[in-house]
């Protein structure tokens, strides 16, 4: 379970990363702890599997990945774990999840694919289909983006205002 300090740390780590010589020191100062304490907490989150990674978030369209498709697959229920492991191991797949199929929509497995062109996306989907031994899928290409953001956890702790 997370305590108030954990929530403060998560809130500041979701904000823009300071581009200064000692960014962790600055982040620690925002929440009133030492840099060592912050780094220890972050290491502990990672060891416990609570923190997956920290990294740059790029606007993929602006760096040339203009073709993005949600690929919907029909995967036999008995193969979901196998196919999930296989597809989630592919670097070009950014999201990978199963959902319950509907009578008019039989697809039960989804991957988000990113490439420079639609042809590259189609080739990637074909490669994944061949690797997984699947033949029923459809590509739903993005045509416009209204919003794309990460989840913002503990917004009540953002901007240095800490509820007690």
Foldseek 3Di string as FASTA:
>chain_A
DDDLVNLLLLQLLQDDQDPDPCRLQVSCVLQVHGSVVSVVVVVVCVVVVNDPDRDDDDPQVVVQQVKKWKKFFQDPPVCLVVLQVVVVPDPQWDDWDFDCADPVGRTTIITMGTHNDPVVVVVVVVVSCVVSVGDDMDIGIDDDDDDDDDDRPPPCSHPSHGDD
